[in-house]
């Protein structure tokens, strides 16, 4: 037996608003309504033995909307983007194009003065590896999509650059099973049941 950790991607605010680094905006009414619509499908997750969330307003609100009442975890915060915090990728590129190129190319670099991609992945992976629980216990974590991407890279022991090719959609679920250092990606359901499948695409930095 093994632990079962299901990540739920936080609902987002209006799709008309550009994604920003370290986005601390709360859910707007559209995002809240979207989370409530998904609550019926996600309600079984509220029975998990342990329930956590990223320390962002929209992660907390998403967890509350689906009935999880999650405990905030500092280790599940988004990557510290230093002086780029609050900027879109385009804005950061316009200000510091060479620094952005270096950041995208080297997972150990942190030209913004914050946290490197490798450091971010390692920090989230450390949280995953230290989850308490008995064999068969279920754990739920409502987190920002970027945090879930980092967790998947760590769990699969994939190269850090794989992070850029993972696309985690709002309110999607992703489950890993195992123990510290030995995690597997779990596929659940059938296509006609709306099974969650990992999606891949390149060039998405958030």
C-alpha atoms as a PDB file:
ATOM      1  CA  UNK A   1       0.000   0.000   0.000  1.00  0.00           C
ATOM      2  CA  UNK A   2       1.011   3.625  -0.421  1.00  0.00           C
ATOM      3  CA  UNK A   3      -0.116   7.174   0.171  1.00  0.00           C
ATOM      4  CA  UNK A   4      -2.412   8.674  -2.421  1.00  0.00           C
ATOM      5  CA  UNK A   5      -1.938  12.405  -2.983  1.00  0.00           C
ATOM      6  CA  UNK A   6      -4.424  14.199  -5.221  1.00  0.00           C
ATOM      7  CA  UNK A   7      -3.596  17.712  -6.343  1.00  0.00           C
ATOM      8  CA  UNK A   8      -6.479  20.002  -7.296  1.00  0.00           C
ATOM      9  CA  UNK A   9      -5.558  23.033  -9.378  1.00  0.00           C
ATOM     10  CA  UNK A  10      -6.965  26.254  -7.954  1.00  0.00           C
ATOM     11  CA  UNK A  11      -9.719  27.982  -9.861  1.00  0.00           C
ATOM     12  CA  UNK A  12      -8.597  31.157 -11.544  1.00  0.00           C
ATOM     13  CA  UNK A  13      -9.928  34.650 -11.681  1.00  0.00           C
ATOM     14  CA  UNK A  14     -11.333  36.046 -14.909  1.00  0.00           C
ATOM     15  CA  UNK A  15      -9.677  34.466 -17.979  1.00  0.00           C
ATOM     16  CA  UNK A  16      -9.521  37.990 -19.387  1.00  0.00           C
ATOM     17  CA  UNK A  17      -6.865  38.877 -16.817  1.00  0.00           C
ATOM     18  CA  UNK A  18      -3.268  38.013 -17.721  1.00  0.00           C
ATOM     19  CA  UNK A  19      -1.470  35.500 -15.497  1.00  0.00           C
ATOM     20  CA  UNK A  20       1.142  37.142 -13.302  1.00  0.00           C
ATOM     21  CA  UNK A  21       4.103  35.802 -11.356  1.00  0.00           C
ATOM     22  CA  UNK A  22       3.289  35.162  -7.675  1.00  0.00           C
ATOM     23  CA  UNK A  23      -0.322  36.080  -8.377  1.00  0.00           C
ATOM     24  CA  UNK A  24      -2.069  36.889  -5.089  1.00  0.00           C
ATOM     25  CA  UNK A  25      -5.385  38.005  -6.571  1.00  0.00           C
ATOM     26  CA  UNK A  26      -8.433  36.420  -4.910  1.00  0.00           C
ATOM     27  CA  UNK A  27     -11.088  34.599  -6.871  1.00  0.00           C
ATOM     28  CA  UNK A  28     -13.523  36.922  -8.544  1.00  0.00           C
ATOM     29  CA  UNK A  29     -17.195  35.986  -8.843  1.00  0.00           C
ATOM     30  CA  UNK A  30     -16.616  34.116 -12.100  1.00  0.00           C
ATOM     31  CA  UNK A  31     -13.861  32.014 -10.532  1.00  0.00           C
ATOM     32  CA  UNK A  32     -15.936  31.303  -7.430  1.00  0.00           C
ATOM     33  CA  UNK A  33     -18.883  30.207  -9.569  1.00  0.00           C
ATOM     34  CA  UNK A  34     -16.600  27.942 -11.591  1.00  0.00           C
ATOM     35  CA  UNK A  35     -15.330  26.300  -8.400  1.00  0.00           C
ATOM     36  CA  UNK A  36     -18.876  25.773  -7.146  1.00  0.00           C
ATOM     37  CA  UNK A  37     -19.846  24.125 -10.427  1.00  0.00           C
ATOM     38  CA  UNK A  38     -16.942  21.707 -10.064  1.00  0.00           C
ATOM     39  CA  UNK A  39     -17.703  20.996  -6.408  1.00  0.00           C
ATOM     40  CA  UNK A  40     -20.091  18.138  -7.160  1.00  0.00           C
ATOM     41  CA  UNK A  41     -17.433  16.167  -9.009  1.00  0.00           C
ATOM     42  CA  UNK A  42     -14.716  17.017  -6.484  1.00  0.00           C
ATOM     43  CA  UNK A  43     -16.776  16.538  -3.316  1.00  0.00           C
ATOM     44  CA  UNK A  44     -15.469  12.978  -2.654  1.00  0.00           C
ATOM     45  CA  UNK A  45     -12.014  14.490  -2.128  1.00  0.00           C
ATOM     46  CA  UNK A  46     -13.316  16.197   1.020  1.00  0.00           C
ATOM     47  CA  UNK A  47     -13.257  12.780   2.707  1.00  0.00           C
ATOM     48  CA  UNK A  48      -9.451  12.612   2.496  1.00  0.00           C
ATOM     49  CA  UNK A  49      -7.640  12.084   5.784  1.00  0.00           C
ATOM     50  CA  UNK A  50      -5.410  15.145   5.218  1.00  0.00           C
ATOM     51  CA  UNK A  51      -6.363  18.285   3.269  1.00  0.00           C
ATOM     52  CA  UNK A  52      -3.965  21.086   2.384  1.00  0.00           C
ATOM     53  CA  UNK A  53      -3.708  24.146   0.144  1.00  0.00           C
ATOM     54  CA  UNK A  54      -1.253  26.678  -1.197  1.00  0.00           C
ATOM     55  CA  UNK A  55      -1.153  29.918   0.842  1.00  0.00           C
ATOM     56  CA  UNK A  56      -2.910  31.949  -1.857  1.00  0.00           C
ATOM     57  CA  UNK A  57      -6.414  33.411  -1.618  1.00  0.00           C
ATOM     58  CA  UNK A  58      -7.673  31.524  -4.644  1.00  0.00           C
ATOM     59  CA  UNK A  59      -6.303  28.173  -3.457  1.00  0.00           C
ATOM     60  CA  UNK A  60      -7.942  28.620  -0.051  1.00  0.00           C
ATOM     61  CA  UNK A  61     -11.224  29.723  -1.665  1.00  0.00           C
ATOM     62  CA  UNK A  62     -11.175  26.786  -4.089  1.00  0.00           C
ATOM     63  CA  UNK A  63     -10.641  24.363  -1.210  1.00  0.00           C
ATOM     64  CA  UNK A  64     -13.515  25.899   0.724  1.00  0.00           C
ATOM     65  CA  UNK A  65     -15.785  25.800  -2.348  1.00  0.00           C
ATOM     66  CA  UNK A  66     -15.268  22.060  -2.824  1.00  0.00           C
ATOM     67  CA  UNK A  67     -15.757  21.345   0.874  1.00  0.00           C
ATOM     68  CA  UNK A  68     -12.186  20.496   1.838  1.00  0.00           C
ATOM     69  CA  UNK A  69     -11.526  23.145   4.529  1.00  0.00           C
ATOM     70  CA  UNK A  70      -7.782  22.829   3.765  1.00  0.00           C
ATOM     71  CA  UNK A  71      -4.802  23.676   5.948  1.00  0.00           C
ATOM     72  CA  UNK A  72      -2.468  26.234   4.347  1.00  0.00           C
ATOM     73  CA  UNK A  73       1.096  25.061   3.690  1.00  0.00           C
ATOM     74  CA  UNK A  74       3.914  27.560   3.202  1.00  0.00           C
ATOM     75  CA  UNK A  75       5.932  24.945   1.286  1.00  0.00           C
ATOM     76  CA  UNK A  76       3.190  24.912  -1.377  1.00  0.00           C
ATOM     77  CA  UNK A  77       3.625  28.583  -2.226  1.00  0.00           C
ATOM     78  CA  UNK A  78       4.436  29.536  -5.820  1.00  0.00           C
ATOM     79  CA  UNK A  79       8.003  30.133  -6.918  1.00  0.00           C
ATOM     80  CA  UNK A  80       9.513  33.281  -5.409  1.00  0.00           C
ATOM     81  CA  UNK A  81       9.991  35.512  -8.451  1.00  0.00           C
ATOM     82  CA  UNK A  82      11.906  38.271  -6.702  1.00  0.00           C
ATOM     83  CA  UNK A  83      11.634  41.617  -8.449  1.00  0.00           C
ATOM     84  CA  UNK A  84       9.430  40.096 -11.169  1.00  0.00           C
ATOM     85  CA  UNK A  85       6.662  39.424  -8.718  1.00  0.00           C
ATOM     86  CA  UNK A  86       3.359  40.763 -10.021  1.00  0.00           C
ATOM     87  CA  UNK A  87       4.609  41.041 -13.614  1.00  0.00           C
ATOM     88  CA  UNK A  88       3.442  39.094 -16.630  1.00  0.00           C
ATOM     89  CA  UNK A  89       6.055  37.228 -18.644  1.00  0.00           C
ATOM     90  CA  UNK A  90       5.745  39.857 -21.368  1.00  0.00           C
ATOM     91  CA  UNK A  91       6.373  42.680 -18.914  1.00  0.00           C
ATOM     92  CA  UNK A  92       9.434  40.937 -17.485  1.00  0.00           C
ATOM     93  CA  UNK A  93      10.731  40.286 -21.000  1.00  0.00           C
ATOM     94  CA  UNK A  94      10.289  43.933 -21.949  1.00  0.00           C
ATOM     95  CA  UNK A  95      12.266  45.060 -18.908  1.00  0.00           C
ATOM     96  CA  UNK A  96      14.993  42.395 -18.770  1.00  0.00           C
ATOM     97  CA  UNK A  97      15.060  40.275 -21.928  1.00  0.00           C
ATOM     98  CA  UNK A  98      18.505  38.759 -21.333  1.00  0.00           C
ATOM     99  CA  UNK A  99      17.613  37.828 -17.754  1.00  0.00           C
ATOM    100  CA  UNK A 100      14.362  36.167 -18.828  1.00  0.00           C
ATOM    101  CA  UNK A 101      16.195  34.176 -21.493  1.00  0.00           C
ATOM    102  CA  UNK A 102      18.724  33.003 -18.896  1.00  0.00           C
ATOM    103  CA  UNK A 103      15.962  32.026 -16.491  1.00  0.00           C
ATOM    104  CA  UNK A 104      14.127  29.986 -19.117  1.00  0.00           C
ATOM    105  CA  UNK A 105      17.321  28.249 -20.241  1.00  0.00           C
ATOM    106  CA  UNK A 106      18.933  27.370 -16.903  1.00  0.00           C
ATOM    107  CA  UNK A 107      16.855  25.814 -14.073  1.00  0.00           C
ATOM    108  CA  UNK A 108      19.569  26.790 -11.562  1.00  0.00           C
ATOM    109  CA  UNK A 109      19.443  30.484 -12.425  1.00  0.00           C
ATOM    110  CA  UNK A 110      17.519  33.123 -10.490  1.00  0.00           C
ATOM    111  CA  UNK A 111      18.274  36.403 -12.275  1.00  0.00           C
ATOM    112  CA  UNK A 112      15.168  37.985 -10.713  1.00  0.00           C
ATOM    113  CA  UNK A 113      16.729  37.675  -7.258  1.00  0.00           C
ATOM    114  CA  UNK A 114      14.213  35.114  -6.030  1.00  0.00           C
ATOM    115  CA  UNK A 115      14.097  31.328  -6.257  1.00  0.00           C
ATOM    116  CA  UNK A 116      15.489  29.181  -9.068  1.00  0.00           C
ATOM    117  CA  UNK A 117      13.247  26.699 -10.865  1.00  0.00           C
ATOM    118  CA  UNK A 118      15.323  23.834  -9.480  1.00  0.00           C
ATOM    119  CA  UNK A 119      15.001  25.231  -5.960  1.00  0.00           C
ATOM    120  CA  UNK A 120      11.240  25.545  -6.416  1.00  0.00           C
ATOM    121  CA  UNK A 121      10.882  21.952  -7.629  1.00  0.00           C
ATOM    122  CA  UNK A 122      13.050  20.671  -4.775  1.00  0.00           C
ATOM    123  CA  UNK A 123      11.067  22.598  -2.166  1.00  0.00           C
ATOM    124  CA  UNK A 124       7.694  21.281  -3.395  1.00  0.00           C
ATOM    125  CA  UNK A 125       9.147  17.774  -3.684  1.00  0.00           C
ATOM    126  CA  UNK A 126      10.381  17.983  -0.112  1.00  0.00           C
ATOM    127  CA  UNK A 127       6.830  18.730   1.004  1.00  0.00           C
ATOM    128  CA  UNK A 128       5.533  15.722  -0.927  1.00  0.00           C
ATOM    129  CA  UNK A 129       8.166  13.407   0.535  1.00  0.00           C
ATOM    130  CA  UNK A 130       7.385  14.406   4.119  1.00  0.00           C
ATOM    131  CA  UNK A 131       3.624  13.821   4.106  1.00  0.00           C
ATOM    132  CA  UNK A 132       2.497  11.896   7.180  1.00  0.00           C
ATOM    133  CA  UNK A 133       0.005   9.095   6.982  1.00  0.00           C
ATOM    134  CA  UNK A 134      -0.561   5.367   7.016  1.00  0.00           C
ATOM    135  CA  UNK A 135      -0.657   3.045   4.026  1.00  0.00           C
ATOM    136  CA  UNK A 136      -3.730   3.761   1.948  1.00  0.00           C
ATOM    137  CA  UNK A 137      -4.333   7.227   3.382  1.00  0.00           C
ATOM    138  CA  UNK A 138      -5.688   9.835   1.002  1.00  0.00           C
ATOM    139  CA  UNK A 139      -4.275  13.350   0.883  1.00  0.00           C
ATOM    140  CA  UNK A 140      -5.649  16.321  -1.039  1.00  0.00           C
ATOM    141  CA  UNK A 141      -3.729  19.489  -1.871  1.00  0.00           C
ATOM    142  CA  UNK A 142      -5.401  22.443  -3.579  1.00  0.00           C
ATOM    143  CA  UNK A 143      -2.546  24.320  -5.181  1.00  0.00           C
ATOM    144  CA  UNK A 144      -1.563  26.794  -7.835  1.00  0.00           C
ATOM    145  CA  UNK A 145      -0.995  25.111 -11.226  1.00  0.00           C
ATOM    146  CA  UNK A 146       2.709  26.004 -11.099  1.00  0.00           C
ATOM    147  CA  UNK A 147       3.070  24.144  -7.792  1.00  0.00           C
ATOM    148  CA  UNK A 148       1.431  21.035  -9.241  1.00  0.00           C
ATOM    149  CA  UNK A 149       3.750  21.166 -12.236  1.00  0.00           C
ATOM    150  CA  UNK A 150       6.739  21.287  -9.882  1.00  0.00           C
ATOM    151  CA  UNK A 151       5.371  18.339  -7.886  1.00  0.00           C
ATOM    152  CA  UNK A 152       4.949  16.258 -11.035  1.00  0.00           C
ATOM    153  CA  UNK A 153       8.483  16.953 -12.232  1.00  0.00           C
ATOM    154  CA  UNK A 154       9.779  15.870  -8.838  1.00  0.00           C
ATOM    155  CA  UNK A 155       7.563  12.802  -8.513  1.00  0.00           C
ATOM    156  CA  UNK A 156       8.506  11.523 -11.975  1.00  0.00           C
ATOM    157  CA  UNK A 157      12.197  12.363 -11.499  1.00  0.00           C
ATOM    158  CA  UNK A 158      12.015  14.196 -14.813  1.00  0.00           C
ATOM    159  CA  UNK A 159      14.587  16.764 -15.980  1.00  0.00           C
ATOM    160  CA  UNK A 160      13.752  20.227 -14.577  1.00  0.00           C
ATOM    161  CA  UNK A 161      13.123  21.520 -18.101  1.00  0.00           C
ATOM    162  CA  UNK A 162      10.084  19.235 -18.291  1.00  0.00           C
ATOM    163  CA  UNK A 163       8.333  21.826 -16.138  1.00  0.00           C
ATOM    164  CA  UNK A 164       7.867  24.059 -19.179  1.00  0.00           C
ATOM    165  CA  UNK A 165       6.008  21.303 -21.044  1.00  0.00           C
ATOM    166  CA  UNK A 166       3.342  20.596 -18.431  1.00  0.00           C
ATOM    167  CA  UNK A 167      -0.038  22.278 -18.672  1.00  0.00           C
ATOM    168  CA  UNK A 168      -2.204  22.056 -15.547  1.00  0.00           C
ATOM    169  CA  UNK A 169      -5.677  23.474 -16.062  1.00  0.00           C
ATOM    170  CA  UNK A 170      -7.736  25.198 -13.338  1.00  0.00           C
ATOM    171  CA  UNK A 171      -9.805  22.739 -11.275  1.00  0.00           C
ATOM    172  CA  UNK A 172      -8.142  19.697 -12.857  1.00  0.00           C
ATOM    173  CA  UNK A 173      -7.000  16.848 -10.611  1.00  0.00           C
ATOM    174  CA  UNK A 174      -3.728  14.916 -10.704  1.00  0.00           C
ATOM    175  CA  UNK A 175      -2.919  11.997  -8.413  1.00  0.00           C
ATOM    176  CA  UNK A 176       0.412  10.488  -7.409  1.00  0.00           C
ATOM    177  CA  UNK A 177       0.820   7.419  -5.227  1.00  0.00           C
ATOM    178  CA  UNK A 178       3.773   6.097  -3.295  1.00  0.00           C
ATOM    179  CA  UNK A 179       6.192   7.131  -0.600  1.00  0.00           C
ATOM    180  CA  UNK A 180       9.178   9.441  -0.228  1.00  0.00           C
ATOM    181  CA  UNK A 181      11.422   9.108  -3.254  1.00  0.00           C
ATOM    182  CA  UNK A 182       9.127   6.573  -4.940  1.00  0.00           C
ATOM    183  CA  UNK A 183       6.126   8.192  -6.575  1.00  0.00           C
ATOM    184  CA  UNK A 184       3.990   7.119  -9.526  1.00  0.00           C
ATOM    185  CA  UNK A 185       1.512   9.101 -11.598  1.00  0.00           C
ATOM    186  CA  UNK A 186      -1.935   7.542 -11.344  1.00  0.00           C
ATOM    187  CA  UNK A 187      -4.534   7.659 -14.132  1.00  0.00           C
ATOM    188  CA  UNK A 188      -8.107   7.356 -12.915  1.00  0.00           C
ATOM    189  CA  UNK A 189     -11.546   6.943 -14.422  1.00  0.00           C
ATOM    190  CA  UNK A 190     -12.514   6.346 -18.030  1.00  0.00           C
ATOM    191  CA  UNK A 191     -12.855   8.823 -20.919  1.00  0.00           C
ATOM    192  CA  UNK A 192     -16.647   8.966 -20.587  1.00  0.00           C
ATOM    193  CA  UNK A 193     -16.267   9.763 -16.876  1.00  0.00           C
ATOM    194  CA  UNK A 194     -14.190  12.838 -17.557  1.00  0.00           C
ATOM    195  CA  UNK A 195     -10.910  11.259 -16.490  1.00  0.00           C
ATOM    196  CA  UNK A 196      -8.079  13.649 -15.884  1.00  0.00           C
ATOM    197  CA  UNK A 197      -5.158  13.230 -18.252  1.00  0.00           C
ATOM    198  CA  UNK A 198      -1.907  15.169 -17.960  1.00  0.00           C
ATOM    199  CA  UNK A 199      -1.630  17.626 -20.833  1.00  0.00           C
ATOM    200  CA  UNK A 200       1.633  18.754 -22.358  1.00  0.00           C
ATOM    201  CA  UNK A 201       2.643  21.869 -24.179  1.00  0.00           C
ATOM    202  CA  UNK A 202       5.725  23.987 -24.478  1.00  0.00           C
ATOM    203  CA  UNK A 203       6.528  27.550 -23.584  1.00  0.00           C
ATOM    204  CA  UNK A 204       4.182  28.202 -20.661  1.00  0.00           C
ATOM    205  CA  UNK A 205       6.236  29.798 -17.868  1.00  0.00           C
ATOM    206  CA  UNK A 206       3.510  30.272 -15.239  1.00  0.00           C
END
